[in-house]
PDB file of all heavy atoms in Angstrom:
ATOM      1  N   HIS A   1       2.925 -11.263  29.239  1.00  0.00           N
ATOM      2  CA  HIS A   1       3.136 -12.058  28.053  1.00  0.00           C
ATOM      3  C   HIS A   1       4.179 -11.396  27.158  1.00  0.00           C
ATOM      4  O   HIS A   1       4.580 -11.890  26.050  1.00  0.00           O
ATOM      5  CB  HIS A   1       1.755 -12.211  27.297  1.00  0.00           C
ATOM      6  CG  HIS A   1       0.765 -12.923  28.025  1.00  0.00           C
ATOM      7  ND1 HIS A   1       0.602 -14.176  27.887  1.00  0.00           N
ATOM      8  CD2 HIS A   1      -0.189 -12.467  28.907  1.00  0.00           C
ATOM      9  CE1 HIS A   1      -0.434 -14.518  28.679  1.00  0.00           C
ATOM     10  NE2 HIS A   1      -0.832 -13.659  29.290  1.00  0.00           N
ATOM     11  N   GLY A   2       4.907 -10.378  27.731  1.00  0.00           N
ATOM     12  CA  GLY A   2       5.876  -9.737  26.832  1.00  0.00           C
ATOM     13  C   GLY A   2       5.609  -9.220  25.480  1.00  0.00           C
ATOM     14  O   GLY A   2       6.483  -9.169  24.636  1.00  0.00           O
ATOM     15  N   GLU A   3       4.478  -8.832  25.375  1.00  0.00           N
ATOM     16  CA  GLU A   3       3.972  -8.326  24.035  1.00  0.00           C
ATOM     17  C   GLU A   3       4.681  -6.970  23.653  1.00  0.00           C
ATOM     18  O   GLU A   3       4.743  -6.047  24.537  1.00  0.00           O
ATOM     19  CB  GLU A   3       2.527  -8.153  23.968  1.00  0.00           C
ATOM     20  CG  GLU A   3       1.821  -9.439  24.037  1.00  0.00           C
ATOM     21  CD  GLU A   3       0.327  -9.423  23.831  1.00  0.00           C
ATOM     22  OE1 GLU A   3      -0.156  -8.313  23.773  1.00  0.00           O
ATOM     23  OE2 GLU A   3      -0.351 -10.441  23.478  1.00  0.00           O
ATOM     24  N   THR A   4       5.338  -6.839  22.484  1.00  0.00           N
ATOM     25  CA  THR A   4       5.996  -5.664  22.132  1.00  0.00           C
ATOM     26  C   THR A   4       5.145  -4.740  21.221  1.00  0.00           C
ATOM     27  O   THR A   4       4.116  -5.137  20.713  1.00  0.00           O
ATOM     28  CB  THR A   4       7.220  -6.057  21.273  1.00  0.00           C
ATOM     29  OG1 THR A   4       6.824  -6.767  20.029  1.00  0.00           O
ATOM     30  CG2 THR A   4       8.214  -7.013  21.998  1.00  0.00           C
ATOM     31  N   ASP A   5       5.495  -3.533  21.196  1.00  0.00           N
ATOM     32  CA  ASP A   5       4.890  -2.567  20.352  1.00  0.00           C
ATOM     33  C   ASP A   5       4.730  -3.063  18.900  1.00  0.00           C
ATOM     34  O   ASP A   5       3.763  -2.861  18.221  1.00  0.00           O
ATOM     35  CB  ASP A   5       5.511  -1.176  20.371  1.00  0.00           C
ATOM     36  CG  ASP A   5       5.362  -0.423  21.696  1.00  0.00           C
ATOM     37  OD1 ASP A   5       4.318  -0.696  22.345  1.00  0.00           O
ATOM     38  OD2 ASP A   5       6.281   0.273  22.159  1.00  0.00           O
ATOM     39  N   GLU A   6       5.880  -3.523  18.463  1.00  0.00           N
ATOM     40  CA  GLU A   6       5.779  -4.093  17.000  1.00  0.00           C
ATOM     41  C   GLU A   6       4.813  -5.250  16.862  1.00  0.00           C
ATOM     42  O   GLU A   6       4.027  -5.226  15.908  1.00  0.00           O
ATOM     43  CB  GLU A   6       7.167  -4.666  16.667  1.00  0.00           C
ATOM     44  CG  GLU A   6       8.250  -3.474  16.646  1.00  0.00           C
ATOM     45  CD  GLU A   6       8.774  -3.088  17.941  1.00  0.00           C
ATOM     46  OE1 GLU A   6       8.617  -3.847  18.929  1.00  0.00           O
ATOM     47  OE2 GLU A   6       9.378  -1.891  18.056  1.00  0.00           O
ATOM     48  N   GLN A   7       4.629  -6.066  17.829  1.00  0.00           N
ATOM     49  CA  GLN A   7       3.717  -7.269  17.746  1.00  0.00           C
ATOM     50  C   GLN A   7       2.306  -6.623  17.696  1.00  0.00           C
ATOM     51  O   GLN A   7       1.370  -7.083  17.031  1.00  0.00           O
ATOM     52  CB  GLN A   7       3.911  -8.187  18.888  1.00  0.00           C
ATOM     53  CG  GLN A   7       2.950  -9.372  18.889  1.00  0.00           C
ATOM     54  CD  GLN A   7       3.246 -10.273  19.986  1.00  0.00           C
ATOM     55  OE1 GLN A   7       3.953  -9.928  21.092  1.00  0.00           O
ATOM     56  NE2 GLN A   7       2.673 -11.530  19.919  1.00  0.00           N
ATOM     57  N   LEU A   8       2.117  -5.576  18.685  1.00  0.00           N
ATOM     58  CA  LEU A   8       0.787  -5.010  18.830  1.00  0.00           C
ATOM     59  C   LEU A   8       0.338  -4.275  17.506  1.00  0.00           C
ATOM     60  O   LEU A   8      -0.740  -4.239  17.158  1.00  0.00           O
ATOM     61  CB  LEU A   8       0.760  -4.144  19.995  1.00  0.00           C
ATOM     62  CG  LEU A   8       1.087  -4.792  21.394  1.00  0.00           C
ATOM     63  CD1 LEU A   8       1.167  -3.769  22.413  1.00  0.00           C
ATOM     64  CD2 LEU A   8      -0.013  -5.867  21.651  1.00  0.00           C
ATOM     65  N   ALA A   9       1.270  -3.765  16.874  1.00  0.00           N
ATOM     66  CA  ALA A   9       0.979  -3.005  15.629  1.00  0.00           C
ATOM     67  C   ALA A   9       0.499  -4.182  14.557  1.00  0.00           C
ATOM     68  O   ALA A   9      -0.393  -3.853  13.789  1.00  0.00           O
ATOM     69  CB  ALA A   9       2.183  -2.391  14.985  1.00  0.00           C
ATOM     70  N   ARG A  10       1.010  -5.310  14.615  1.00  0.00           N
ATOM     71  CA  ARG A  10       0.533  -6.340  13.712  1.00  0.00           C
ATOM     72  C   ARG A  10      -0.845  -6.867  14.098  1.00  0.00           C
ATOM     73  O   ARG A  10      -1.758  -7.212  13.303  1.00  0.00           O
ATOM     74  CB  ARG A  10       1.541  -7.570  13.688  1.00  0.00           C
ATOM     75  CG  ARG A  10       2.949  -7.091  13.079  1.00  0.00           C
ATOM     76  CD  ARG A  10       3.735  -8.365  12.773  1.00  0.00           C
ATOM     77  NE  ARG A  10       4.212  -9.068  13.906  1.00  0.00           N
ATOM     78  CZ  ARG A  10       5.280  -8.703  14.605  1.00  0.00           C
ATOM     79  NH1 ARG A  10       6.091  -7.672  14.221  1.00  0.00           N
ATOM     80  NH2 ARG A  10       5.649  -9.440  15.756  1.00  0.00           N
ATOM     81  N   LYS A  11      -1.100  -6.800  15.526  1.00  0.00           N
ATOM     82  CA  LYS A  11      -2.397  -7.266  15.954  1.00  0.00           C
ATOM     83  C   LYS A  11      -3.555  -6.134  15.543  1.00  0.00           C
ATOM     84  O   LYS A  11      -4.655  -6.560  15.093  1.00  0.00           O
ATOM     85  CB  LYS A  11      -2.482  -7.391  17.472  1.00  0.00           C
ATOM     86  CG  LYS A  11      -1.595  -8.667  17.804  1.00  0.00           C
ATOM     87  CD  LYS A  11      -1.831  -8.942  19.410  1.00  0.00           C
ATOM     88  CE  LYS A  11      -1.129 -10.162  19.791  1.00  0.00           C
ATOM     89  NZ  LYS A  11      -1.461 -10.625  21.074  1.00  0.00           N
ATOM     90  N   VAL A  12      -3.155  -4.925  15.675  1.00  0.00           N
ATOM     91  CA  VAL A  12      -4.104  -3.830  15.150  1.00  0.00           C
ATOM     92  C   VAL A  12      -4.358  -4.124  13.671  1.00  0.00           C
ATOM     93  O   VAL A  12      -5.635  -3.918  13.312  1.00  0.00           O
ATOM     94  CB  VAL A  12      -3.473  -2.434  15.407  1.00  0.00           C
ATOM     95  CG1 VAL A  12      -4.281  -1.256  14.710  1.00  0.00           C
ATOM     96  CG2 VAL A  12      -3.408  -2.143  16.862  1.00  0.00           C
ATOM     97  N   ALA A  13      -3.456  -4.280  12.854  1.00  0.00           N
ATOM     98  CA  ALA A  13      -3.696  -4.567  11.401  1.00  0.00           C
ATOM     99  C   ALA A  13      -4.532  -5.762  11.298  1.00  0.00           C
ATOM    100  O   ALA A  13      -5.440  -5.815  10.499  1.00  0.00           O
ATOM    101  CB  ALA A  13      -2.261  -4.700  10.729  1.00  0.00           C
ATOM    102  N   ALA A  14      -4.371  -6.856  11.967  1.00  0.00           N
ATOM    103  CA  ALA A  14      -5.051  -8.041  11.887  1.00  0.00           C
ATOM    104  C   ALA A  14      -6.518  -7.844  12.262  1.00  0.00           C
ATOM    105  O   ALA A  14      -7.521  -8.355  11.686  1.00  0.00           O
ATOM    106  CB  ALA A  14      -4.514  -9.138  12.834  1.00  0.00           C
ATOM    107  N   ALA A  15      -6.801  -6.982  13.377  1.00  0.00           N
ATOM    108  CA  ALA A  15      -8.209  -6.746  13.706  1.00  0.00           C
ATOM    109  C   ALA A  15      -8.771  -5.820  12.585  1.00  0.00           C
ATOM    110  O   ALA A  15     -10.015  -6.219  12.267  1.00  0.00           O
ATOM    111  CB  ALA A  15      -8.130  -5.814  15.017  1.00  0.00           C
ATOM    112  N   LEU A  16      -8.234  -4.915  12.103  1.00  0.00           N
ATOM    113  CA  LEU A  16      -8.829  -4.069  11.113  1.00  0.00           C
ATOM    114  C   LEU A  16      -9.199  -4.823   9.752  1.00  0.00           C
ATOM    115  O   LEU A  16     -10.211  -4.635   9.175  1.00  0.00           O
ATOM    116  CB  LEU A  16      -7.983  -2.878  10.730  1.00  0.00           C
ATOM    117  CG  LEU A  16      -7.766  -1.782  11.831  1.00  0.00           C
ATOM    118  CD1 LEU A  16      -6.660  -0.816  11.529  1.00  0.00           C
ATOM    119  CD2 LEU A  16      -9.083  -1.110  12.195  1.00  0.00           C
ATOM    120  N   LYS A  17      -8.353  -5.800   9.501  1.00  0.00           N
ATOM    121  CA  LYS A  17      -8.565  -6.580   8.281  1.00  0.00           C
ATOM    122  C   LYS A  17      -9.794  -7.389   8.380  1.00  0.00           C
ATOM    123  O   LYS A  17     -10.402  -7.626   7.331  1.00  0.00           O
ATOM    124  CB  LYS A  17      -7.431  -7.559   8.134  1.00  0.00           C
ATOM    125  CG  LYS A  17      -7.575  -8.499   6.916  1.00  0.00           C
ATOM    126  CD  LYS A  17      -6.261  -9.446   6.741  1.00  0.00           C
ATOM    127  CE  LYS A  17      -6.415 -10.406   5.665  1.00  0.00           C
ATOM    128  NZ  LYS A  17      -5.230 -11.314   5.462  1.00  0.00           N
ATOM    129  N   HIS A  18     -10.213  -7.752   9.600  1.00  0.00           N
ATOM    130  CA  HIS A  18     -11.378  -8.560   9.726  1.00  0.00           C
ATOM    131  C   HIS A  18     -12.553  -7.769  10.283  1.00  0.00           C
ATOM    132  O   HIS A  18     -13.663  -8.313  10.841  1.00  0.00           O
ATOM    133  CB  HIS A  18     -11.100  -9.714  10.707  1.00  0.00           C
ATOM    134  CG  HIS A  18     -10.201 -10.752  10.084  1.00  0.00           C
ATOM    135  ND1 HIS A  18     -10.591 -11.605   9.092  1.00  0.00           N
ATOM    136  CD2 HIS A  18      -8.830 -11.003  10.288  1.00  0.00           C
ATOM    137  CE1 HIS A  18      -9.478 -12.313   8.727  1.00  0.00           C
ATOM    138  NE2 HIS A  18      -8.411 -11.874   9.435  1.00  0.00           N
ATOM    139  N   GLY A  19     -12.537  -6.470  10.123  1.00  0.00           N
ATOM    140  CA  GLY A  19     -13.633  -5.726  10.440  1.00  0.00           C
ATOM    141  C   GLY A  19     -14.023  -5.416  11.889  1.00  0.00           C
ATOM    142  O   GLY A  19     -14.981  -5.010  12.336  1.00  0.00           O
ATOM    143  N   LEU A  20     -12.909  -5.656  12.675  1.00  0.00           N
ATOM    144  CA  LEU A  20     -12.991  -5.445  14.172  1.00  0.00           C
ATOM    145  C   LEU A  20     -12.418  -4.115  14.454  1.00  0.00           C
ATOM    146  O   LEU A  20     -11.546  -3.520  13.789  1.00  0.00           O
ATOM    147  CB  LEU A  20     -12.124  -6.511  14.913  1.00  0.00           C
ATOM    148  CG  LEU A  20     -12.624  -7.987  14.701  1.00  0.00           C
ATOM    149  CD1 LEU A  20     -11.515  -8.982  15.182  1.00  0.00           C
ATOM    150  CD2 LEU A  20     -13.832  -8.358  15.378  1.00  0.00           C
ATOM    151  N   VAL A  21     -13.013  -3.512  15.613  1.00  0.00           N
ATOM    152  CA  VAL A  21     -12.536  -2.217  16.000  1.00  0.00           C
ATOM    153  C   VAL A  21     -11.474  -2.440  17.165  1.00  0.00           C
ATOM    154  O   VAL A  21     -11.888  -2.994  18.189  1.00  0.00           O
ATOM    155  CB  VAL A  21     -13.666  -1.386  16.554  1.00  0.00           C
ATOM    156  CG1 VAL A  21     -13.144   0.035  17.043  1.00  0.00           C
ATOM    157  CG2 VAL A  21     -14.696  -1.072  15.476  1.00  0.00           C
ATOM    158  N   PRO A  22     -10.320  -2.255  16.829  1.00  0.00           N
ATOM    159  CA  PRO A  22      -9.270  -2.361  17.839  1.00  0.00           C
ATOM    160  C   PRO A  22      -9.323  -1.341  19.016  1.00  0.00           C
ATOM    161  O   PRO A  22      -9.444  -0.145  18.668  1.00  0.00           O
ATOM    162  CB  PRO A  22      -7.921  -2.260  17.145  1.00  0.00           C
ATOM    163  CG  PRO A  22      -8.169  -1.491  15.918  1.00  0.00           C
ATOM    164  CD  PRO A  22      -9.646  -1.789  15.599  1.00  0.00           C
ATOM    165  N   VAL A  23      -9.374  -1.844  20.247  1.00  0.00           N
ATOM    166  CA  VAL A  23      -9.173  -0.945  21.369  1.00  0.00           C
ATOM    167  C   VAL A  23      -7.858  -1.003  21.911  1.00  0.00           C
ATOM    168  O   VAL A  23      -7.390  -1.903  22.646  1.00  0.00           O
ATOM    169  CB  VAL A  23     -10.238  -1.367  22.533  1.00  0.00           C
ATOM    170  CG1 VAL A  23     -10.112  -0.400  23.641  1.00  0.00           C
ATOM    171  CG2 VAL A  23     -11.641  -1.329  21.877  1.00  0.00           C
ATOM    172  N   LEU A  24      -6.976  -0.027  21.408  1.00  0.00           N
ATOM    173  CA  LEU A  24      -5.562  -0.159  21.638  1.00  0.00           C
ATOM    174  C   LEU A  24      -5.234   0.568  22.930  1.00  0.00           C
ATOM    175  O   LEU A  24      -5.577   1.716  23.121  1.00  0.00           O
ATOM    176  CB  LEU A  24      -4.726   0.754  20.588  1.00  0.00           C
ATOM    177  CG  LEU A  24      -3.254   0.701  20.689  1.00  0.00           C
ATOM    178  CD1 LEU A  24      -2.527  -0.625  20.705  1.00  0.00           C
ATOM    179  CD2 LEU A  24      -2.637   1.567  19.570  1.00  0.00           C
ATOM    180  N   CYS A  25      -4.692  -0.234  23.979  1.00  0.00           N
ATOM    181  CA  CYS A  25      -4.378   0.088  25.133  1.00  0.00           C
ATOM    182  C   CYS A  25      -3.063   0.749  25.446  1.00  0.00           C
ATOM    183  O   CYS A  25      -2.134   0.126  24.960  1.00  0.00           O
ATOM    184  CB  CYS A  25      -4.595  -0.953  26.271  1.00  0.00           C
ATOM    185  SG  CYS A  25      -6.410  -1.761  26.179  1.00  0.00           S
ATOM    186  N   VAL A  26      -3.012   1.862  25.934  1.00  0.00           N
ATOM    187  CA  VAL A  26      -1.663   2.499  26.228  1.00  0.00           C
ATOM    188  C   VAL A  26      -1.635   2.998  27.785  1.00  0.00           C
ATOM    189  O   VAL A  26      -2.698   3.318  28.293  1.00  0.00           O
ATOM    190  CB  VAL A  26      -1.361   3.726  25.322  1.00  0.00           C
ATOM    191  CG1 VAL A  26      -1.354   3.225  23.824  1.00  0.00           C
ATOM    192  CG2 VAL A  26      -2.394   4.797  25.481  1.00  0.00           C
ATOM    193  N   GLY A  27      -0.406   3.144  28.216  1.00  0.00           N
ATOM    194  CA  GLY A  27      -0.312   3.680  29.573  1.00  0.00           C
ATOM    195  C   GLY A  27       1.057   3.456  30.222  1.00  0.00           C
ATOM    196  O   GLY A  27       1.811   2.719  29.738  1.00  0.00           O
ATOM    197  N   GLU A  28       1.226   4.157  31.266  1.00  0.00           N
ATOM    198  CA  GLU A  28       2.707   4.244  31.852  1.00  0.00           C
ATOM    199  C   GLU A  28       2.587   3.606  33.318  1.00  0.00           C
ATOM    200  O   GLU A  28       1.495   3.809  33.998  1.00  0.00           O
ATOM    201  CB  GLU A  28       3.272   5.642  31.797  1.00  0.00           C
ATOM    202  CG  GLU A  28       2.623   6.493  32.826  1.00  0.00           C
ATOM    203  CD  GLU A  28       1.320   7.139  32.621  1.00  0.00           C
ATOM    204  OE1 GLU A  28       0.716   6.701  31.550  1.00  0.00           O
ATOM    205  OE2 GLU A  28       0.844   7.854  33.354  1.00  0.00           O
ATOM    206  N   THR A  29       3.724   3.198  33.765  1.00  0.00           N
ATOM    207  CA  THR A  29       3.862   2.687  35.145  1.00  0.00           C
ATOM    208  C   THR A  29       4.289   3.860  35.955  1.00  0.00           C
ATOM    209  O   THR A  29       4.472   5.131  35.416  1.00  0.00           O
ATOM    210  CB  THR A  29       5.015   1.674  35.205  1.00  0.00           C
ATOM    211  OG1 THR A  29       6.259   2.223  34.850  1.00  0.00           O
ATOM    212  CG2 THR A  29       4.748   0.536  34.384  1.00  0.00           C
ATOM    213  N   ALA A  30       4.330   3.805  37.240  1.00  0.00           N
ATOM    214  CA  ALA A  30       4.734   4.814  38.110  1.00  0.00           C
ATOM    215  C   ALA A  30       6.170   5.318  37.972  1.00  0.00           C
ATOM    216  O   ALA A  30       6.648   6.501  37.901  1.00  0.00           O
ATOM    217  CB  ALA A  30       4.626   4.482  39.555  1.00  0.00           C
ATOM    218  N   ASP A  31       7.015   4.360  37.646  1.00  0.00           N
ATOM    219  CA  ASP A  31       8.510   4.722  37.289  1.00  0.00           C
ATOM    220  C   ASP A  31       8.456   5.434  35.921  1.00  0.00           C
ATOM    221  O   ASP A  31       9.256   6.344  35.706  1.00  0.00           O
ATOM    222  CB  ASP A  31       9.318   3.297  37.148  1.00  0.00           C
ATOM    223  CG  ASP A  31       9.368   2.713  38.511  1.00  0.00           C
ATOM    224  OD1 ASP A  31       9.244   3.329  39.541  1.00  0.00           O
ATOM    225  OD2 ASP A  31       9.798   1.351  38.570  1.00  0.00           O
ATOM    226  N   ASP A  32       7.615   5.077  35.079  1.00  0.00           N
ATOM    227  CA  ASP A  32       7.681   5.699  33.586  1.00  0.00           C
ATOM    228  C   ASP A  32       7.243   7.166  33.940  1.00  0.00           C
ATOM    229  O   ASP A  32       7.846   8.117  33.351  1.00  0.00           O
ATOM    230  CB  ASP A  32       6.647   5.032  32.720  1.00  0.00           C
ATOM    231  CG  ASP A  32       7.094   3.582  32.225  1.00  0.00           C
ATOM    232  OD1 ASP A  32       8.326   3.442  32.116  1.00  0.00           O
ATOM    233  OD2 ASP A  32       6.206   2.907  31.874  1.00  0.00           O
ATOM    234  N   LEU A  33       6.293   7.300  34.753  1.00  0.00           N
ATOM    235  CA  LEU A  33       5.784   8.619  34.935  1.00  0.00           C
ATOM    236  C   LEU A  33       6.847   9.538  35.550  1.00  0.00           C
ATOM    237  O   LEU A  33       7.041  10.724  35.237  1.00  0.00           O
ATOM    238  CB  LEU A  33       4.545   8.533  35.799  1.00  0.00           C
ATOM    239  CG  LEU A  33       3.804   9.864  36.223  1.00  0.00           C
ATOM    240  CD1 LEU A  33       3.166  10.526  34.900  1.00  0.00           C
ATOM    241  CD2 LEU A  33       2.624   9.683  37.202  1.00  0.00           C
TER     242      LEU A  33
END
C-alpha cells in the first residue's frame, strides 16, 4: 500500500488520541540487511 514513515507517524498519533495502543511494526528486507 506504499505507506510511508511520515504517514505511519500520523497513524500512531491517531491511535494514541483514541486510547488505542499502537503496535508499530518495523523490519528490514534481505537487501536492507
